C-alpha cells in the first residue's frame, strides 16, 4: 500500500485515526479528553514535520510523524485504525519511518510509547532506555521510552 506525504488538508482525518487508535486500548473517556489536544493533528504541525500516511483504496488507514534534533529522530506518532491493526500496516509505517530517518541523516530513533505498543516497538528492534512518569487523575502513568540505533 502506498505511503504518501500527508497534506495539511488531511489534518482532521489523521486526528480521527489517532483518537480511534488510542480509544482501541479501552482508556477512560476522561483520559481521552485530556489527551485529545496531543492527538490532534493540525495543518501547521503537518507542514512543520515529517508526516506520512498509509493510503488504502477507500481511506487513510494510519500515519506516523517524526521530528528531530541533531542526529536523533523522535517518532511522535504512529497510529493505525483499529480495523487494520495486526495486518502488517504498523510495520509498513514503521519501516518507512526508519527509511526516512536514515535519508534525513539521523543516527537513532527515540519513541515514548504507549504501554500497549511497547511490544510492537521491541519486535521492531527498539529497546527500552528509560521511562517517562506522569500523573493522570491521581494515578502514576509510566510510559516506556525506547530507542533504536540506525546503521
N, C-alpha and C. Protein backbone atom coordinates (compact mmCIF):
# COMPACT_ATOMS: atom_id res chain seq x y z
N UNK A 1 0.84 -1.18 0.00
CA UNK A 1 0.00 0.00 0.00
C UNK A 1 0.88 1.25 0.00
N UNK A 2 0.46 2.27 -0.70
CA UNK A 2 1.31 3.46 -0.78
C UNK A 2 1.31 4.26 0.53
N UNK A 3 2.48 4.71 0.87
CA UNK A 3 2.65 5.64 1.99
C UNK A 3 2.98 6.98 1.36
N UNK A 4 2.15 7.96 1.65
CA UNK A 4 2.23 9.26 1.00
C UNK A 4 2.54 10.34 2.03
N UNK A 5 3.15 11.42 1.55
CA UNK A 5 3.38 12.57 2.43
C UNK A 5 2.01 13.17 2.76
N UNK A 6 1.74 13.32 4.06
CA UNK A 6 0.44 13.87 4.48
C UNK A 6 0.35 15.33 4.08
N UNK A 7 -0.86 15.75 3.77
CA UNK A 7 -1.13 17.14 3.40
C UNK A 7 -1.87 17.82 4.55
N UNK A 8 -1.71 19.11 4.64
CA UNK A 8 -2.37 19.89 5.70
C UNK A 8 -3.88 19.65 5.69
N UNK A 9 -4.45 19.48 4.52
CA UNK A 9 -5.90 19.28 4.41
C UNK A 9 -6.35 17.94 5.02
N UNK A 10 -5.41 17.05 5.32
CA UNK A 10 -5.75 15.76 5.90
C UNK A 10 -5.69 15.77 7.43
N UNK A 11 -5.52 16.92 8.03
CA UNK A 11 -5.35 17.01 9.49
C UNK A 11 -6.52 16.36 10.24
N UNK A 12 -7.74 16.63 9.84
CA UNK A 12 -8.90 16.06 10.54
C UNK A 12 -8.93 14.54 10.41
N UNK A 13 -8.60 14.01 9.24
CA UNK A 13 -8.59 12.56 9.05
C UNK A 13 -7.51 11.91 9.91
N UNK A 14 -6.34 12.53 9.99
CA UNK A 14 -5.27 11.98 10.81
C UNK A 14 -5.63 12.04 12.29
N UNK A 15 -6.29 13.10 12.70
CA UNK A 15 -6.74 13.20 14.09
C UNK A 15 -7.73 12.09 14.42
N UNK A 16 -8.65 11.81 13.51
CA UNK A 16 -9.61 10.72 13.73
C UNK A 16 -8.90 9.38 13.89
N UNK A 17 -7.86 9.16 13.10
CA UNK A 17 -7.09 7.92 13.21
C UNK A 17 -6.44 7.83 14.58
N UNK A 18 -5.77 8.89 15.00
CA UNK A 18 -5.07 8.88 16.29
C UNK A 18 -6.04 8.63 17.44
N UNK A 19 -7.17 9.33 17.43
CA UNK A 19 -8.14 9.16 18.52
C UNK A 19 -8.75 7.76 18.52
N UNK A 20 -9.08 7.24 17.35
CA UNK A 20 -9.66 5.90 17.28
C UNK A 20 -8.66 4.85 17.74
N UNK A 21 -7.40 5.00 17.35
CA UNK A 21 -6.38 4.04 17.73
C UNK A 21 -6.13 4.07 19.24
N UNK A 22 -6.10 5.25 19.82
CA UNK A 22 -5.90 5.36 21.27
C UNK A 22 -7.10 4.78 22.02
N UNK A 23 -8.31 5.07 21.55
CA UNK A 23 -9.52 4.52 22.18
C UNK A 23 -9.55 3.00 22.13
N UNK A 24 -8.93 2.44 21.13
CA UNK A 24 -8.90 0.99 20.95
C UNK A 24 -8.42 0.27 22.20
N UNK A 25 -7.56 0.92 22.97
CA UNK A 25 -6.99 0.28 24.15
C UNK A 25 -7.88 0.38 25.38
N UNK A 26 -9.07 0.97 25.24
CA UNK A 26 -10.04 0.97 26.33
C UNK A 26 -9.78 1.98 27.42
N UNK A 27 -9.08 3.03 27.11
CA UNK A 27 -8.82 4.06 28.12
C UNK A 27 -10.11 4.77 28.51
N UNK A 28 -10.20 5.26 29.75
CA UNK A 28 -11.39 6.01 30.17
C UNK A 28 -11.58 7.26 29.30
N UNK A 29 -12.84 7.61 29.07
CA UNK A 29 -13.14 8.77 28.23
C UNK A 29 -12.52 10.05 28.81
N UNK A 30 -12.46 10.15 30.12
CA UNK A 30 -11.83 11.33 30.75
C UNK A 30 -10.38 11.47 30.30
N UNK A 31 -9.67 10.34 30.25
CA UNK A 31 -8.29 10.39 29.80
C UNK A 31 -8.21 10.77 28.33
N UNK A 32 -9.13 10.25 27.54
CA UNK A 32 -9.15 10.61 26.12
C UNK A 32 -9.32 12.11 25.95
N UNK A 33 -10.16 12.71 26.77
CA UNK A 33 -10.35 14.17 26.70
C UNK A 33 -9.07 14.91 27.05
N UNK A 34 -8.34 14.41 28.04
CA UNK A 34 -7.07 15.03 28.41
C UNK A 34 -6.06 14.91 27.27
N UNK A 35 -6.05 13.77 26.59
CA UNK A 35 -5.08 13.52 25.53
C UNK A 35 -5.47 14.11 24.18
N UNK A 36 -6.72 14.52 24.02
CA UNK A 36 -7.17 14.98 22.70
C UNK A 36 -6.29 16.08 22.11
N UNK A 37 -5.87 17.09 22.88
CA UNK A 37 -5.00 18.10 22.26
C UNK A 37 -3.69 17.53 21.72
N UNK A 38 -3.12 16.56 22.42
CA UNK A 38 -1.87 15.94 21.95
C UNK A 38 -2.10 15.09 20.71
N UNK A 39 -3.28 14.54 20.58
CA UNK A 39 -3.59 13.64 19.46
C UNK A 39 -4.18 14.38 18.27
N UNK A 40 -4.37 15.67 18.40
CA UNK A 40 -4.94 16.47 17.32
C UNK A 40 -3.83 16.91 16.37
N UNK A 41 -3.95 16.50 15.14
CA UNK A 41 -3.01 16.90 14.11
C UNK A 41 -3.53 18.18 13.46
N UNK A 42 -2.72 19.19 13.47
CA UNK A 42 -3.12 20.46 12.86
C UNK A 42 -2.42 20.63 11.51
N UNK A 43 -2.99 21.46 10.65
CA UNK A 43 -2.29 21.72 9.39
C UNK A 43 -0.87 22.26 9.63
N UNK A 44 -0.70 23.12 10.62
CA UNK A 44 0.62 23.68 10.90
C UNK A 44 1.60 22.58 11.31
N UNK A 45 1.15 21.64 12.13
CA UNK A 45 2.01 20.53 12.56
C UNK A 45 2.43 19.70 11.34
N UNK A 46 1.48 19.41 10.49
CA UNK A 46 1.78 18.59 9.31
C UNK A 46 2.79 19.28 8.40
N UNK A 47 2.65 20.58 8.25
CA UNK A 47 3.58 21.32 7.40
C UNK A 47 4.98 21.43 8.01
N UNK A 48 5.06 21.43 9.34
CA UNK A 48 6.34 21.64 10.02
C UNK A 48 7.11 20.36 10.31
N UNK A 49 6.49 19.19 10.12
CA UNK A 49 7.11 17.92 10.48
C UNK A 49 7.01 16.92 9.35
N UNK A 50 7.74 15.82 9.51
CA UNK A 50 7.64 14.70 8.59
C UNK A 50 6.39 13.92 8.99
N UNK A 51 5.34 14.00 8.21
CA UNK A 51 4.10 13.28 8.49
C UNK A 51 3.74 12.49 7.23
N UNK A 52 3.61 11.18 7.40
CA UNK A 52 3.36 10.28 6.28
C UNK A 52 2.16 9.42 6.61
N UNK A 53 1.32 9.16 5.61
CA UNK A 53 0.07 8.42 5.81
C UNK A 53 0.01 7.20 4.89
N UNK A 54 -0.60 6.16 5.40
CA UNK A 54 -0.83 4.94 4.63
C UNK A 54 -2.18 5.05 3.96
N UNK A 55 -2.16 5.05 2.63
CA UNK A 55 -3.40 5.23 1.87
C UNK A 55 -3.88 3.88 1.33
N UNK A 56 -5.07 3.52 1.74
CA UNK A 56 -5.74 2.35 1.18
C UNK A 56 -6.72 2.85 0.12
N UNK A 57 -7.30 1.95 -0.67
CA UNK A 57 -8.18 2.43 -1.74
C UNK A 57 -9.32 3.34 -1.28
N UNK A 58 -9.88 3.09 -0.09
CA UNK A 58 -11.05 3.87 0.33
C UNK A 58 -10.79 4.86 1.44
N UNK A 59 -9.64 4.78 2.10
CA UNK A 59 -9.38 5.68 3.23
C UNK A 59 -7.92 5.65 3.63
N UNK A 60 -7.55 6.62 4.46
CA UNK A 60 -6.26 6.57 5.11
C UNK A 60 -6.39 5.60 6.27
N UNK A 61 -5.42 4.69 6.42
CA UNK A 61 -5.52 3.65 7.44
C UNK A 61 -4.60 3.91 8.63
N UNK A 62 -3.62 4.78 8.47
CA UNK A 62 -2.69 5.06 9.55
C UNK A 62 -1.72 6.14 9.14
N UNK A 63 -0.90 6.54 10.09
CA UNK A 63 0.11 7.57 9.80
C UNK A 63 1.19 7.55 10.87
N UNK A 64 2.28 8.23 10.55
CA UNK A 64 3.32 8.46 11.55
C UNK A 64 3.85 9.88 11.37
N UNK A 65 4.50 10.38 12.42
CA UNK A 65 5.17 11.67 12.31
C UNK A 65 6.50 11.61 13.03
N UNK A 66 7.45 12.35 12.48
CA UNK A 66 8.80 12.44 13.02
C UNK A 66 9.18 13.88 13.25
N UNK A 67 9.97 14.09 14.28
CA UNK A 67 10.69 15.35 14.44
C UNK A 67 12.12 14.94 14.75
N UNK A 68 13.01 15.90 14.86
CA UNK A 68 14.38 15.53 15.16
C UNK A 68 15.19 16.68 15.70
N UNK A 69 16.23 16.31 16.41
CA UNK A 69 17.21 17.26 16.94
C UNK A 69 18.58 16.65 16.70
N UNK A 70 19.42 17.39 16.02
CA UNK A 70 20.76 16.94 15.67
C UNK A 70 20.69 15.57 15.00
N UNK A 71 21.27 14.52 15.59
CA UNK A 71 21.28 13.23 14.91
C UNK A 71 20.26 12.25 15.48
N UNK A 72 19.28 12.76 16.24
CA UNK A 72 18.27 11.91 16.87
C UNK A 72 16.88 12.29 16.36
N UNK A 73 16.15 11.26 15.89
CA UNK A 73 14.76 11.46 15.47
C UNK A 73 13.85 11.05 16.61
N UNK A 74 12.66 11.63 16.62
CA UNK A 74 11.64 11.28 17.60
C UNK A 74 10.40 10.85 16.84
N UNK A 75 10.00 9.61 17.05
CA UNK A 75 8.76 9.12 16.45
C UNK A 75 7.64 9.60 17.36
N UNK A 76 7.00 10.67 16.98
CA UNK A 76 5.99 11.30 17.83
C UNK A 76 4.63 10.63 17.73
N UNK A 77 4.33 10.08 16.59
CA UNK A 77 3.04 9.41 16.37
C UNK A 77 3.26 8.22 15.46
N UNK A 78 2.56 7.16 15.74
CA UNK A 78 2.39 6.06 14.79
C UNK A 78 1.08 5.41 15.19
N UNK A 79 0.08 5.62 14.34
CA UNK A 79 -1.28 5.17 14.64
C UNK A 79 -1.85 4.43 13.44
N UNK A 80 -2.60 3.37 13.73
CA UNK A 80 -3.30 2.60 12.70
C UNK A 80 -4.74 2.47 13.16
N UNK A 81 -5.68 2.66 12.25
CA UNK A 81 -7.09 2.48 12.60
C UNK A 81 -7.30 1.08 13.18
N UNK A 82 -8.13 0.96 14.21
CA UNK A 82 -8.33 -0.34 14.85
C UNK A 82 -8.69 -1.48 13.90
N UNK A 83 -9.47 -1.23 12.88
CA UNK A 83 -9.85 -2.28 11.94
C UNK A 83 -8.69 -2.82 11.12
N UNK A 84 -7.57 -2.13 11.14
CA UNK A 84 -6.40 -2.54 10.36
C UNK A 84 -5.22 -2.99 11.24
N UNK A 85 -5.41 -3.00 12.56
CA UNK A 85 -4.35 -3.45 13.46
C UNK A 85 -4.10 -4.93 13.24
N UNK A 86 -2.85 -5.33 13.37
CA UNK A 86 -2.39 -6.72 13.22
C UNK A 86 -2.51 -7.24 11.78
N UNK A 87 -2.42 -6.31 10.83
CA UNK A 87 -2.43 -6.71 9.42
C UNK A 87 -1.14 -6.31 8.71
N UNK A 88 -0.15 -5.89 9.48
CA UNK A 88 1.14 -5.52 8.90
C UNK A 88 1.29 -4.06 8.54
N UNK A 89 0.24 -3.26 8.71
CA UNK A 89 0.31 -1.86 8.34
C UNK A 89 1.19 -1.04 9.29
N UNK A 90 1.16 -1.39 10.57
CA UNK A 90 2.03 -0.71 11.52
C UNK A 90 3.49 -0.94 11.18
N UNK A 91 3.81 -2.17 10.82
CA UNK A 91 5.19 -2.50 10.42
C UNK A 91 5.58 -1.73 9.17
N UNK A 92 4.66 -1.63 8.19
CA UNK A 92 4.96 -0.87 6.97
C UNK A 92 5.26 0.58 7.31
N UNK A 93 4.43 1.17 8.16
CA UNK A 93 4.66 2.56 8.55
C UNK A 93 5.98 2.72 9.30
N UNK A 94 6.25 1.80 10.22
CA UNK A 94 7.49 1.88 11.00
C UNK A 94 8.71 1.73 10.09
N UNK A 95 8.68 0.76 9.20
CA UNK A 95 9.79 0.57 8.27
C UNK A 95 10.00 1.82 7.41
N UNK A 96 8.91 2.42 6.97
CA UNK A 96 9.02 3.65 6.18
C UNK A 96 9.64 4.76 7.03
N UNK A 97 9.22 4.86 8.27
CA UNK A 97 9.78 5.89 9.17
C UNK A 97 11.28 5.70 9.34
N UNK A 98 11.72 4.46 9.49
CA UNK A 98 13.16 4.21 9.62
C UNK A 98 13.92 4.60 8.36
N UNK A 99 13.34 4.30 7.20
CA UNK A 99 13.99 4.71 5.94
C UNK A 99 14.10 6.23 5.87
N UNK A 100 13.03 6.92 6.26
CA UNK A 100 13.07 8.39 6.24
C UNK A 100 14.13 8.91 7.21
N UNK A 101 14.23 8.30 8.37
CA UNK A 101 15.24 8.72 9.34
C UNK A 101 16.64 8.58 8.77
N UNK A 102 16.90 7.47 8.11
CA UNK A 102 18.22 7.27 7.51
C UNK A 102 18.46 8.30 6.40
N UNK A 103 17.44 8.54 5.56
CA UNK A 103 17.58 9.53 4.49
C UNK A 103 17.87 10.92 5.04
N UNK A 104 17.30 11.22 6.20
CA UNK A 104 17.49 12.53 6.82
C UNK A 104 18.75 12.61 7.66
N UNK A 105 19.49 11.52 7.76
CA UNK A 105 20.78 11.52 8.45
C UNK A 105 20.73 11.28 9.95
N UNK A 106 19.62 10.81 10.46
CA UNK A 106 19.54 10.52 11.89
C UNK A 106 20.29 9.24 12.21
N UNK A 107 20.85 9.17 13.40
CA UNK A 107 21.61 8.00 13.86
C UNK A 107 20.79 7.11 14.78
N UNK A 108 19.72 7.65 15.36
CA UNK A 108 18.88 6.87 16.28
C UNK A 108 17.48 7.44 16.26
N UNK A 109 16.53 6.59 16.65
CA UNK A 109 15.12 6.99 16.76
C UNK A 109 14.69 6.73 18.20
N UNK A 110 14.06 7.72 18.79
CA UNK A 110 13.55 7.58 20.15
C UNK A 110 12.02 7.61 20.10
N UNK A 111 11.42 6.77 20.96
CA UNK A 111 9.96 6.61 20.97
C UNK A 111 9.49 6.63 22.41
N UNK A 112 8.61 7.57 22.73
CA UNK A 112 7.90 7.50 24.01
C UNK A 112 6.61 6.77 23.71
N UNK A 113 6.53 5.53 24.14
CA UNK A 113 5.48 4.62 23.68
C UNK A 113 4.31 4.54 24.65
N UNK A 114 3.14 4.32 24.09
CA UNK A 114 2.03 3.87 24.90
C UNK A 114 2.42 2.48 25.41
N UNK A 115 2.09 2.16 26.66
CA UNK A 115 2.46 0.82 27.16
C UNK A 115 1.92 -0.32 26.30
N UNK A 116 0.77 -0.15 25.68
CA UNK A 116 0.20 -1.20 24.84
C UNK A 116 1.01 -1.43 23.56
N UNK A 117 1.79 -0.44 23.15
CA UNK A 117 2.56 -0.55 21.91
C UNK A 117 4.01 -0.94 22.15
N UNK A 118 4.43 -1.05 23.39
CA UNK A 118 5.83 -1.34 23.68
C UNK A 118 6.29 -2.64 23.02
N UNK A 119 5.50 -3.69 23.10
CA UNK A 119 5.87 -4.96 22.49
C UNK A 119 6.08 -4.84 20.99
N UNK A 120 5.23 -4.07 20.33
CA UNK A 120 5.37 -3.85 18.89
C UNK A 120 6.74 -3.23 18.60
N UNK A 121 7.09 -2.16 19.31
CA UNK A 121 8.35 -1.48 19.04
C UNK A 121 9.55 -2.38 19.37
N UNK A 122 9.42 -3.18 20.41
CA UNK A 122 10.52 -4.10 20.73
C UNK A 122 10.66 -5.16 19.64
N UNK A 123 9.56 -5.64 19.08
CA UNK A 123 9.65 -6.58 17.95
C UNK A 123 10.29 -5.92 16.73
N UNK A 124 10.17 -4.62 16.62
CA UNK A 124 10.77 -3.89 15.51
C UNK A 124 12.25 -3.60 15.75
N UNK A 125 12.75 -3.95 16.94
CA UNK A 125 14.17 -3.79 17.22
C UNK A 125 14.53 -2.71 18.24
N UNK A 126 13.56 -1.99 18.74
CA UNK A 126 13.83 -0.95 19.74
C UNK A 126 14.03 -1.59 21.11
N UNK A 127 14.76 -0.90 21.96
CA UNK A 127 14.94 -1.37 23.33
C UNK A 127 14.63 -0.24 24.30
N UNK A 128 14.13 -0.61 25.46
CA UNK A 128 13.77 0.40 26.46
C UNK A 128 15.03 1.01 27.04
N UNK A 129 15.04 2.33 27.08
CA UNK A 129 16.18 3.05 27.65
C UNK A 129 15.78 3.91 28.85
N UNK A 130 14.49 3.96 29.16
CA UNK A 130 14.04 4.75 30.29
C UNK A 130 12.54 4.76 30.38
N UNK A 131 12.04 5.66 31.21
CA UNK A 131 10.60 5.80 31.42
C UNK A 131 10.26 7.27 31.58
N UNK A 132 9.05 7.61 31.21
CA UNK A 132 8.51 8.94 31.48
C UNK A 132 7.31 8.73 32.39
N UNK A 133 7.37 9.34 33.58
CA UNK A 133 6.31 9.17 34.57
C UNK A 133 5.52 10.46 34.69
N UNK A 134 4.21 10.35 34.67
CA UNK A 134 3.33 11.50 34.86
C UNK A 134 2.14 11.06 35.70
N UNK A 135 1.38 12.03 36.15
CA UNK A 135 0.17 11.74 36.92
C UNK A 135 -1.04 12.04 36.06
N UNK A 136 -2.02 11.15 36.11
CA UNK A 136 -3.26 11.36 35.39
C UNK A 136 -4.39 10.92 36.31
N UNK A 137 -5.24 11.87 36.68
CA UNK A 137 -6.31 11.61 37.64
C UNK A 137 -5.77 10.98 38.92
N UNK A 138 -4.61 11.46 39.36
CA UNK A 138 -4.01 10.99 40.60
C UNK A 138 -3.31 9.65 40.50
N UNK A 139 -3.24 9.08 39.31
CA UNK A 139 -2.58 7.80 39.11
C UNK A 139 -1.27 8.01 38.36
N UNK A 140 -0.26 7.28 38.78
CA UNK A 140 1.00 7.33 38.05
C UNK A 140 0.82 6.64 36.70
N UNK A 141 1.26 7.30 35.67
CA UNK A 141 1.23 6.72 34.32
C UNK A 141 2.67 6.63 33.86
N UNK A 142 3.11 5.42 33.58
CA UNK A 142 4.51 5.19 33.21
C UNK A 142 4.56 4.82 31.73
N UNK A 143 5.26 5.65 30.97
CA UNK A 143 5.43 5.40 29.54
C UNK A 143 6.86 4.94 29.27
N UNK A 144 7.02 3.81 28.63
CA UNK A 144 8.38 3.38 28.29
C UNK A 144 8.97 4.30 27.22
N UNK A 145 10.23 4.61 27.38
CA UNK A 145 10.98 5.36 26.37
C UNK A 145 11.93 4.36 25.72
N UNK A 146 11.77 4.21 24.41
CA UNK A 146 12.54 3.22 23.67
C UNK A 146 13.45 3.91 22.67
N UNK A 147 14.46 3.18 22.24
CA UNK A 147 15.38 3.71 21.25
C UNK A 147 15.79 2.62 20.29
N UNK A 148 16.03 3.03 19.07
CA UNK A 148 16.54 2.13 18.05
C UNK A 148 17.68 2.84 17.35
N UNK A 149 18.86 2.20 17.40
CA UNK A 149 20.02 2.75 16.71
C UNK A 149 19.90 2.43 15.22
N UNK A 150 20.25 3.39 14.39
CA UNK A 150 20.21 3.19 12.94
C UNK A 150 21.61 2.90 12.43
N UNK A 151 21.71 2.05 11.43
CA UNK A 151 23.02 1.72 10.87
C UNK A 151 23.53 2.85 10.02
